[in-house]
Amino acid sequence: MWIAAGGAATTKKGDCRNCEEPGPYIHTGSALVDAGVRVNRQMDGGVEFMWVPGEASTGDQNRVTLLLAVAQFRPWSSQGFFIKGGMGMGFVRNWVYTGGADTKPPYTSKALSVMYGGGWEFLRGRRLGVEVYGVHHAVALGDLQTSTFLAENIMGNLWSAGAAIVIR
């Protein structure tokens, strides 16, 4: 068994196919917890929980919570470099799009989410270690009816760079 817990600096951006202006970039912090089992010397499998709060320049609050199945692969078993990928669900509360004068009611949505990334684990082979990572989460929200138009194919992108404590 292993568990990794840490935080990251995250940038979020929402956009849609027929939006007049792209959504804003929102810079915030996030919390991440990964847990799983070692499949072999080079592969780990598990789950990832990531919580990303945020506030747009308009003052609108929003929150993205991700629950994903992940696989982490180390191409060189003796080194700390890893790549990881996964997919699962994103739970979105009050996703913000400010590309127009319309006001939107708050909403909650479930969405397909995929992620990929990589990083480096230090003190590998010991019970307690540290890792640094960079990941990209893509969240497919679908369509949303605003007060003035139907926003089609809304995509949320979350880019994170952070660090975590790893217990093996």
N, C-alpha and C. Protein backbone atom coordinates (compact mmCIF):
# COMPACT_ATOMS: atom_id res chain seq x y z
N MET A 1 0.84 -1.19 0.00
CA MET A 1 0.00 0.00 0.00
C MET A 1 0.88 1.25 0.00
N TRP A 2 0.37 2.32 -0.56
CA TRP A 2 1.04 3.61 -0.51
C TRP A 2 -0.01 4.71 -0.47
N ILE A 3 0.38 5.84 0.04
CA ILE A 3 -0.49 7.01 0.07
C ILE A 3 0.38 8.24 -0.15
N ALA A 4 -0.13 9.19 -0.90
CA ALA A 4 0.56 10.46 -1.14
C ALA A 4 -0.44 11.58 -0.87
N ALA A 5 -0.03 12.58 -0.12
CA ALA A 5 -0.91 13.70 0.20
C ALA A 5 -0.11 14.99 0.09
N GLY A 6 -0.71 15.99 -0.53
CA GLY A 6 0.00 17.25 -0.69
C GLY A 6 -0.86 18.33 -1.27
N GLY A 7 -0.22 19.36 -1.75
CA GLY A 7 -0.92 20.51 -2.31
C GLY A 7 -0.24 20.99 -3.57
N ALA A 8 -0.93 21.88 -4.26
CA ALA A 8 -0.39 22.37 -5.54
C ALA A 8 -0.91 23.78 -5.82
N ALA A 9 -0.20 24.46 -6.69
CA ALA A 9 -0.68 25.70 -7.28
C ALA A 9 -1.41 25.29 -8.55
N THR A 10 -2.65 25.71 -8.68
CA THR A 10 -3.49 25.27 -9.78
C THR A 10 -4.06 26.46 -10.54
N THR A 11 -4.12 26.32 -11.85
CA THR A 11 -4.77 27.30 -12.71
C THR A 11 -5.93 26.61 -13.41
N LYS A 12 -7.12 27.23 -13.33
CA LYS A 12 -8.32 26.67 -13.96
C LYS A 12 -8.78 27.60 -15.07
N LYS A 13 -9.37 27.01 -16.10
CA LYS A 13 -9.94 27.79 -17.19
C LYS A 13 -11.08 27.02 -17.79
N GLY A 14 -12.21 27.68 -17.97
CA GLY A 14 -13.35 27.07 -18.63
C GLY A 14 -13.58 27.73 -19.98
N ASP A 15 -14.05 26.95 -20.93
CA ASP A 15 -14.29 27.47 -22.27
C ASP A 15 -15.35 26.60 -22.92
N CYS A 16 -15.99 27.13 -23.94
CA CYS A 16 -16.98 26.35 -24.68
C CYS A 16 -16.86 26.65 -26.17
N ARG A 17 -17.49 25.81 -26.96
CA ARG A 17 -17.35 25.89 -28.41
C ARG A 17 -17.97 27.17 -28.98
N ASN A 18 -19.12 27.59 -28.48
CA ASN A 18 -19.80 28.74 -29.08
C ASN A 18 -19.76 29.97 -28.18
N CYS A 19 -18.83 30.05 -27.25
CA CYS A 19 -18.72 31.22 -26.38
C CYS A 19 -18.01 32.35 -27.12
N GLU A 20 -18.53 33.58 -26.91
CA GLU A 20 -17.95 34.73 -27.60
C GLU A 20 -16.55 35.05 -27.12
N GLU A 21 -16.34 34.96 -25.81
CA GLU A 21 -15.03 35.23 -25.22
C GLU A 21 -14.61 34.02 -24.40
N PRO A 22 -13.33 33.74 -24.35
CA PRO A 22 -12.90 32.62 -23.49
C PRO A 22 -13.09 32.96 -22.02
N GLY A 23 -13.25 31.94 -21.21
CA GLY A 23 -13.38 32.14 -19.77
C GLY A 23 -12.09 32.64 -19.16
N PRO A 24 -12.16 33.13 -17.92
CA PRO A 24 -10.94 33.66 -17.28
C PRO A 24 -10.05 32.54 -16.75
N TYR A 25 -8.78 32.86 -16.58
CA TYR A 25 -7.87 31.97 -15.87
C TYR A 25 -8.05 32.27 -14.38
N ILE A 26 -8.23 31.22 -13.59
CA ILE A 26 -8.38 31.38 -12.15
C ILE A 26 -7.21 30.66 -11.49
N HIS A 27 -6.41 31.41 -10.72
CA HIS A 27 -5.25 30.84 -10.04
C HIS A 27 -5.62 30.59 -8.58
N THR A 28 -5.36 29.38 -8.11
CA THR A 28 -5.75 29.00 -6.75
C THR A 28 -4.86 27.88 -6.25
N GLY A 29 -5.09 27.45 -5.05
CA GLY A 29 -4.40 26.29 -4.49
C GLY A 29 -5.30 25.07 -4.58
N SER A 30 -4.74 23.90 -4.38
CA SER A 30 -5.53 22.67 -4.41
C SER A 30 -4.92 21.66 -3.46
N ALA A 31 -5.73 20.67 -3.08
CA ALA A 31 -5.26 19.59 -2.22
C ALA A 31 -5.42 18.28 -2.97
N LEU A 32 -4.46 17.37 -2.78
CA LEU A 32 -4.44 16.12 -3.52
C LEU A 32 -4.12 14.96 -2.57
N VAL A 33 -4.87 13.86 -2.72
CA VAL A 33 -4.57 12.62 -1.99
C VAL A 33 -4.64 11.49 -2.99
N ASP A 34 -3.57 10.70 -3.09
CA ASP A 34 -3.52 9.48 -3.91
C ASP A 34 -3.32 8.31 -2.96
N ALA A 35 -3.96 7.19 -3.25
CA ALA A 35 -3.76 5.98 -2.46
C ALA A 35 -3.89 4.79 -3.39
N GLY A 36 -3.12 3.74 -3.11
CA GLY A 36 -3.21 2.57 -3.97
C GLY A 36 -2.29 1.45 -3.55
N VAL A 37 -2.06 0.57 -4.51
CA VAL A 37 -1.21 -0.60 -4.27
C VAL A 37 -0.12 -0.66 -5.32
N ARG A 38 0.95 -1.33 -4.98
CA ARG A 38 2.06 -1.54 -5.91
C ARG A 38 1.74 -2.77 -6.74
N VAL A 39 1.67 -2.62 -8.04
CA VAL A 39 1.39 -3.73 -8.94
C VAL A 39 2.67 -4.53 -9.19
N ASN A 40 3.76 -3.83 -9.50
CA ASN A 40 5.08 -4.44 -9.63
C ASN A 40 6.12 -3.36 -9.37
N ARG A 41 7.39 -3.61 -9.66
CA ARG A 41 8.45 -2.63 -9.35
C ARG A 41 8.28 -1.32 -10.09
N GLN A 42 7.59 -1.35 -11.23
CA GLN A 42 7.47 -0.14 -12.04
C GLN A 42 6.06 0.45 -12.10
N MET A 43 5.07 -0.24 -11.58
CA MET A 43 3.69 0.20 -11.76
C MET A 43 2.93 0.24 -10.44
N ASP A 44 2.20 1.34 -10.23
CA ASP A 44 1.29 1.49 -9.11
C ASP A 44 -0.10 1.76 -9.67
N GLY A 45 -1.10 1.30 -8.97
CA GLY A 45 -2.48 1.59 -9.34
C GLY A 45 -3.23 2.07 -8.12
N GLY A 46 -4.21 2.95 -8.31
CA GLY A 46 -4.94 3.46 -7.16
C GLY A 46 -6.00 4.46 -7.53
N VAL A 47 -6.34 5.30 -6.57
CA VAL A 47 -7.35 6.33 -6.74
C VAL A 47 -6.74 7.68 -6.38
N GLU A 48 -7.31 8.72 -6.96
CA GLU A 48 -6.87 10.08 -6.69
C GLU A 48 -8.07 10.93 -6.33
N PHE A 49 -7.91 11.72 -5.28
CA PHE A 49 -8.91 12.70 -4.88
C PHE A 49 -8.25 14.05 -4.92
N MET A 50 -8.85 14.99 -5.66
CA MET A 50 -8.28 16.34 -5.76
C MET A 50 -9.40 17.35 -5.53
N TRP A 51 -9.13 18.34 -4.68
CA TRP A 51 -10.11 19.38 -4.37
C TRP A 51 -9.52 20.72 -4.77
N VAL A 52 -10.26 21.46 -5.61
CA VAL A 52 -9.77 22.73 -6.14
C VAL A 52 -10.83 23.81 -5.94
N PRO A 53 -10.71 24.64 -4.89
CA PRO A 53 -11.64 25.76 -4.74
C PRO A 53 -11.18 26.91 -5.63
N GLY A 54 -11.98 27.94 -5.75
CA GLY A 54 -11.55 29.08 -6.54
C GLY A 54 -12.52 30.23 -6.47
N GLU A 55 -12.03 31.39 -6.87
CA GLU A 55 -12.85 32.59 -6.93
C GLU A 55 -12.44 33.39 -8.15
N ALA A 56 -13.41 33.72 -8.99
CA ALA A 56 -13.13 34.51 -10.19
C ALA A 56 -12.97 35.98 -9.80
N SER A 57 -12.47 36.79 -10.72
CA SER A 57 -12.30 38.22 -10.46
C SER A 57 -13.64 38.90 -10.21
N THR A 58 -14.73 38.28 -10.65
CA THR A 58 -16.07 38.82 -10.42
C THR A 58 -16.57 38.53 -9.01
N GLY A 59 -15.83 37.73 -8.25
CA GLY A 59 -16.24 37.36 -6.90
C GLY A 59 -17.01 36.05 -6.84
N ASP A 60 -17.30 35.45 -8.00
CA ASP A 60 -18.03 34.19 -8.03
C ASP A 60 -17.17 33.07 -7.48
N GLN A 61 -17.72 32.30 -6.55
CA GLN A 61 -17.04 31.14 -5.98
C GLN A 61 -17.30 29.92 -6.85
N ASN A 62 -16.34 29.04 -6.94
CA ASN A 62 -16.55 27.77 -7.64
C ASN A 62 -15.65 26.72 -7.01
N ARG A 63 -15.99 25.47 -7.25
CA ARG A 63 -15.24 24.37 -6.65
C ARG A 63 -15.27 23.18 -7.61
N VAL A 64 -14.13 22.54 -7.76
CA VAL A 64 -14.03 21.32 -8.56
C VAL A 64 -13.47 20.23 -7.65
N THR A 65 -14.16 19.10 -7.59
CA THR A 65 -13.70 17.95 -6.83
C THR A 65 -13.56 16.79 -7.80
N LEU A 66 -12.40 16.17 -7.84
CA LEU A 66 -12.13 15.10 -8.79
C LEU A 66 -11.90 13.79 -8.05
N LEU A 67 -12.49 12.72 -8.55
CA LEU A 67 -12.28 11.38 -8.03
C LEU A 67 -11.95 10.49 -9.22
N LEU A 68 -10.69 10.03 -9.29
CA LEU A 68 -10.19 9.34 -10.47
C LEU A 68 -9.50 8.02 -10.11
N ALA A 69 -9.55 7.07 -11.03
CA ALA A 69 -8.70 5.89 -10.96
C ALA A 69 -7.41 6.26 -11.68
N VAL A 70 -6.26 5.97 -11.08
CA VAL A 70 -4.98 6.37 -11.67
C VAL A 70 -4.01 5.20 -11.74
N ALA A 71 -3.11 5.29 -12.70
CA ALA A 71 -1.99 4.36 -12.83
C ALA A 71 -0.73 5.20 -12.91
N GLN A 72 0.29 4.79 -12.19
CA GLN A 72 1.55 5.51 -12.16
C GLN A 72 2.65 4.55 -12.60
N PHE A 73 3.41 4.95 -13.61
CA PHE A 73 4.43 4.09 -14.21
C PHE A 73 5.80 4.74 -14.08
N ARG A 74 6.77 3.96 -13.66
CA ARG A 74 8.16 4.39 -13.59
C ARG A 74 8.95 3.66 -14.67
N PRO A 75 9.37 4.34 -15.74
CA PRO A 75 10.10 3.68 -16.82
C PRO A 75 11.41 3.04 -16.34
N TRP A 76 12.07 3.67 -15.37
CA TRP A 76 13.30 3.13 -14.80
C TRP A 76 13.02 2.83 -13.34
N SER A 77 12.93 1.56 -12.98
CA SER A 77 12.51 1.18 -11.64
C SER A 77 13.46 1.67 -10.54
N SER A 78 14.71 1.94 -10.89
CA SER A 78 15.67 2.39 -9.88
C SER A 78 15.68 3.91 -9.71
N GLN A 79 14.96 4.63 -10.56
CA GLN A 79 14.93 6.09 -10.50
C GLN A 79 13.58 6.58 -10.00
N GLY A 80 13.49 7.84 -9.65
CA GLY A 80 12.26 8.40 -9.11
C GLY A 80 11.30 8.98 -10.12
N PHE A 81 11.69 9.07 -11.41
CA PHE A 81 10.83 9.66 -12.43
C PHE A 81 9.59 8.80 -12.64
N PHE A 82 8.41 9.43 -12.76
CA PHE A 82 7.18 8.68 -13.04
C PHE A 82 6.28 9.48 -13.97
N ILE A 83 5.45 8.75 -14.68
CA ILE A 83 4.36 9.35 -15.45
C ILE A 83 3.07 8.72 -14.94
N LYS A 84 2.00 9.47 -15.00
CA LYS A 84 0.74 8.93 -14.51
C LYS A 84 -0.41 9.40 -15.36
N GLY A 85 -1.46 8.64 -15.34
CA GLY A 85 -2.66 8.96 -16.08
C GLY A 85 -3.86 8.36 -15.37
N GLY A 86 -5.03 8.89 -15.68
CA GLY A 86 -6.22 8.35 -15.04
C GLY A 86 -7.48 8.95 -15.62
N MET A 87 -8.60 8.39 -15.18
CA MET A 87 -9.89 8.92 -15.58
C MET A 87 -10.91 8.63 -14.50
N GLY A 88 -11.95 9.42 -14.47
CA GLY A 88 -12.99 9.25 -13.47
C GLY A 88 -14.02 10.35 -13.57
N MET A 89 -14.47 10.83 -12.42
CA MET A 89 -15.54 11.82 -12.37
C MET A 89 -15.04 13.13 -11.78
N GLY A 90 -15.59 14.21 -12.31
CA GLY A 90 -15.38 15.53 -11.75
C GLY A 90 -16.72 16.04 -11.26
N PHE A 91 -16.74 16.61 -10.07
CA PHE A 91 -17.95 17.19 -9.50
C PHE A 91 -17.70 18.69 -9.42
N VAL A 92 -18.50 19.46 -10.16
CA VAL A 92 -18.26 20.88 -10.32
C VAL A 92 -19.41 21.66 -9.68
N ARG A 93 -19.06 22.65 -8.89
CA ARG A 93 -20.04 23.53 -8.28
C ARG A 93 -19.74 24.95 -8.71
N ASN A 94 -20.71 25.59 -9.37
CA ASN A 94 -20.61 26.99 -9.80
C ASN A 94 -19.44 27.24 -10.75
N TRP A 95 -19.31 26.43 -11.82
CA TRP A 95 -18.25 26.71 -12.79
C TRP A 95 -18.51 28.09 -13.37
N VAL A 96 -17.48 28.90 -13.51
CA VAL A 96 -17.64 30.30 -13.88
C VAL A 96 -17.26 30.51 -15.34
N TYR A 97 -18.15 31.15 -16.07
CA TYR A 97 -17.84 31.64 -17.40
C TYR A 97 -18.31 33.08 -17.46
N THR A 98 -17.42 34.03 -17.66
CA THR A 98 -17.79 35.44 -17.65
C THR A 98 -17.69 36.05 -19.04
N GLY A 99 -17.95 35.29 -20.08
CA GLY A 99 -17.83 35.78 -21.44
C GLY A 99 -19.11 36.42 -21.94
N GLY A 100 -19.63 37.37 -21.23
CA GLY A 100 -20.84 38.06 -21.65
C GLY A 100 -21.52 38.73 -20.47
N ALA A 101 -22.59 39.43 -20.75
CA ALA A 101 -23.28 40.19 -19.71
C ALA A 101 -24.32 39.35 -18.97
N ASP A 102 -24.53 38.11 -19.40
CA ASP A 102 -25.57 37.30 -18.77
C ASP A 102 -25.15 36.85 -17.38
N THR A 103 -26.13 36.70 -16.52
CA THR A 103 -25.86 36.16 -15.19
C THR A 103 -26.34 34.72 -15.17
N LYS A 104 -25.60 33.90 -14.50
CA LYS A 104 -25.92 32.48 -14.49
C LYS A 104 -26.28 32.05 -13.09
N PRO A 105 -27.29 31.22 -12.96
CA PRO A 105 -27.59 30.70 -11.63
C PRO A 105 -26.52 29.69 -11.22
N PRO A 106 -26.27 29.52 -9.91
CA PRO A 106 -25.31 28.52 -9.49
C PRO A 106 -25.82 27.13 -9.86
N TYR A 107 -24.91 26.25 -10.18
CA TYR A 107 -25.31 24.89 -10.53
C TYR A 107 -24.24 23.91 -10.12
N THR A 108 -24.64 22.66 -10.06
CA THR A 108 -23.73 21.56 -9.76
C THR A 108 -23.80 20.60 -10.92
N SER A 109 -22.65 20.08 -11.32
CA SER A 109 -22.61 19.18 -12.47
C SER A 109 -21.61 18.06 -12.22
N LYS A 110 -21.90 16.91 -12.78
CA LYS A 110 -20.95 15.79 -12.80
C LYS A 110 -20.38 15.72 -14.21
N ALA A 111 -19.12 15.36 -14.33
CA ALA A 111 -18.49 15.37 -15.64
C ALA A 111 -17.42 14.29 -15.73
N LEU A 112 -17.19 13.81 -16.95
CA LEU A 112 -16.07 12.91 -17.20
C LEU A 112 -14.79 13.71 -17.05
N SER A 113 -13.80 13.11 -16.42
CA SER A 113 -12.52 13.77 -16.24
C SER A 113 -11.39 12.81 -16.59
N VAL A 114 -10.39 13.33 -17.27
CA VAL A 114 -9.18 12.57 -17.55
C VAL A 114 -7.98 13.40 -17.09
N MET A 115 -6.89 12.71 -16.79
CA MET A 115 -5.69 13.42 -16.35
C MET A 115 -4.44 12.72 -16.85
N TYR A 116 -3.38 13.48 -16.98
CA TYR A 116 -2.06 12.94 -17.29
C TYR A 116 -1.03 13.86 -16.63
N GLY A 117 0.12 13.33 -16.36
CA GLY A 117 1.15 14.15 -15.73
C GLY A 117 2.40 13.34 -15.48
N GLY A 118 3.29 13.95 -14.74
CA GLY A 118 4.54 13.30 -14.39
C GLY A 118 5.19 13.99 -13.22
N GLY A 119 6.28 13.39 -12.76
CA GLY A 119 6.98 13.99 -11.64
C GLY A 119 8.19 13.18 -11.24
N TRP A 120 8.68 13.48 -10.05
CA TRP A 120 9.86 12.82 -9.52
C TRP A 120 9.65 12.55 -8.04
N GLU A 121 9.91 11.30 -7.65
CA GLU A 121 9.82 10.93 -6.24
C GLU A 121 11.22 10.87 -5.66
N PHE A 122 11.45 11.61 -4.58
CA PHE A 122 12.73 11.63 -3.89
C PHE A 122 12.69 10.67 -2.71
N LEU A 123 13.84 10.15 -2.32
CA LEU A 123 13.97 9.18 -1.23
C LEU A 123 13.20 7.91 -1.54
N ARG A 124 13.22 7.52 -2.79
CA ARG A 124 12.52 6.32 -3.22
C ARG A 124 13.14 5.09 -2.58
N GLY A 125 12.36 4.13 -2.22
CA GLY A 125 12.86 2.94 -1.56
C GLY A 125 12.79 3.04 -0.05
N ARG A 126 12.44 4.19 0.47
CA ARG A 126 12.26 4.36 1.91
C ARG A 126 10.76 4.43 2.21
N ARG A 127 10.41 4.29 3.45
CA ARG A 127 8.99 4.33 3.85
C ARG A 127 8.38 5.71 3.67
N LEU A 128 9.17 6.76 3.86
CA LEU A 128 8.68 8.13 3.77
C LEU A 128 9.46 8.87 2.70
N GLY A 129 8.78 9.49 1.77
CA GLY A 129 9.44 10.22 0.69
C GLY A 129 8.68 11.48 0.33
N VAL A 130 9.18 12.17 -0.65
CA VAL A 130 8.57 13.40 -1.15
C VAL A 130 8.54 13.31 -2.66
N GLU A 131 7.46 13.81 -3.26
CA GLU A 131 7.41 13.87 -4.72
C GLU A 131 7.00 15.26 -5.17
N VAL A 132 7.51 15.66 -6.33
CA VAL A 132 7.06 16.87 -7.01
C VAL A 132 6.40 16.42 -8.30
N TYR A 133 5.37 17.12 -8.71
CA TYR A 133 4.61 16.67 -9.87
C TYR A 133 3.99 17.84 -10.62
N GLY A 134 3.64 17.57 -11.85
CA GLY A 134 2.86 18.47 -12.68
C GLY A 134 1.80 17.65 -13.38
N VAL A 135 0.56 18.09 -13.34
CA VAL A 135 -0.54 17.33 -13.95
C VAL A 135 -1.51 18.27 -14.67
N HIS A 136 -2.22 17.70 -15.62
CA HIS A 136 -3.28 18.40 -16.34
C HIS A 136 -4.54 17.55 -16.20
N HIS A 137 -5.61 18.15 -15.69
CA HIS A 137 -6.92 17.50 -15.61
C HIS A 137 -7.83 18.20 -16.61
N ALA A 138 -8.53 17.42 -17.41
CA ALA A 138 -9.53 17.95 -18.33
C ALA A 138 -10.90 17.44 -17.88
N VAL A 139 -11.86 18.35 -17.77
CA VAL A 139 -13.19 18.01 -17.27
C VAL A 139 -14.20 18.39 -18.36
N ALA A 140 -14.94 17.40 -18.88
CA ALA A 140 -15.92 17.64 -19.95
C ALA A 140 -17.29 17.85 -19.32
N LEU A 141 -17.72 19.10 -19.24
CA LEU A 141 -18.96 19.44 -18.55
C LEU A 141 -20.20 19.31 -19.42
N GLY A 142 -20.06 19.29 -20.72
CA GLY A 142 -21.23 19.19 -21.59
C GLY A 142 -21.84 20.55 -21.86
N ASP A 143 -23.17 20.61 -22.01
CA ASP A 143 -23.88 21.84 -22.34
C ASP A 143 -24.49 22.46 -21.09
N LEU A 144 -24.61 23.80 -21.09
CA LEU A 144 -25.22 24.53 -19.98
C LEU A 144 -26.10 25.63 -20.54
N GLN A 145 -27.35 25.66 -20.11
CA GLN A 145 -28.26 26.73 -20.53
C GLN A 145 -28.07 27.91 -19.60
N THR A 146 -27.57 29.03 -20.14
CA THR A 146 -27.44 30.26 -19.36
C THR A 146 -28.72 31.07 -19.55
N SER A 147 -28.76 32.27 -19.01
CA SER A 147 -29.96 33.09 -19.13
C SER A 147 -30.17 33.61 -20.55
N THR A 148 -29.10 33.62 -21.38
CA THR A 148 -29.25 34.17 -22.73
C THR A 148 -28.93 33.20 -23.85
N PHE A 149 -28.16 32.14 -23.62
CA PHE A 149 -27.83 31.22 -24.70
C PHE A 149 -27.43 29.86 -24.14
N LEU A 150 -27.34 28.89 -25.04
CA LEU A 150 -26.90 27.55 -24.67
C LEU A 150 -25.39 27.46 -24.92
N ALA A 151 -24.63 27.31 -23.84
CA ALA A 151 -23.18 27.14 -23.96
C ALA A 151 -22.92 25.67 -24.26
N GLU A 152 -22.34 25.40 -25.43
CA GLU A 152 -22.15 24.02 -25.87
C GLU A 152 -20.74 23.51 -25.60
N ASN A 153 -20.67 22.25 -25.21
CA ASN A 153 -19.40 21.55 -25.01
C ASN A 153 -18.44 22.31 -24.10
N ILE A 154 -18.86 22.59 -22.90
CA ILE A 154 -18.00 23.29 -21.95
C ILE A 154 -16.90 22.34 -21.48
N MET A 155 -15.67 22.83 -21.55
CA MET A 155 -14.50 22.09 -21.08
C MET A 155 -13.84 22.88 -19.96
N GLY A 156 -13.48 22.19 -18.92
CA GLY A 156 -12.70 22.79 -17.86
C GLY A 156 -11.30 22.19 -17.90
N ASN A 157 -10.31 23.03 -17.82
CA ASN A 157 -8.92 22.58 -17.79
C ASN A 157 -8.30 23.04 -16.48
N LEU A 158 -7.58 22.14 -15.83
CA LEU A 158 -6.90 22.45 -14.58
C LEU A 158 -5.45 22.01 -14.70
N TRP A 159 -4.53 22.96 -14.56
CA TRP A 159 -3.10 22.67 -14.62
C TRP A 159 -2.54 22.86 -13.22
N SER A 160 -1.80 21.88 -12.71
CA SER A 160 -1.29 21.94 -11.34
C SER A 160 0.19 21.59 -11.28
N ALA A 161 0.90 22.27 -10.41
CA ALA A 161 2.29 21.94 -10.08
C ALA A 161 2.38 21.94 -8.57
N GLY A 162 2.85 20.82 -7.99
CA GLY A 162 2.84 20.75 -6.54
C GLY A 162 3.80 19.72 -5.99
N ALA A 163 3.62 19.45 -4.70
CA ALA A 163 4.47 18.49 -3.98
C ALA A 163 3.60 17.70 -3.02
N ALA A 164 4.06 16.49 -2.69
CA ALA A 164 3.31 15.63 -1.77
C ALA A 164 4.26 14.79 -0.94
N ILE A 165 3.80 14.41 0.23
CA ILE A 165 4.50 13.45 1.10
C ILE A 165 4.02 12.07 0.68
N VAL A 166 4.94 11.12 0.53
CA VAL A 166 4.60 9.76 0.10
C VAL A 166 4.95 8.78 1.23
N ILE A 167 3.99 7.94 1.61
CA ILE A 167 4.22 6.91 2.61
C ILE A 167 4.00 5.57 1.92
N ARG A 168 5.00 4.70 1.97
CA ARG A 168 4.92 3.38 1.35
C ARG A 168 4.97 2.30 2.41
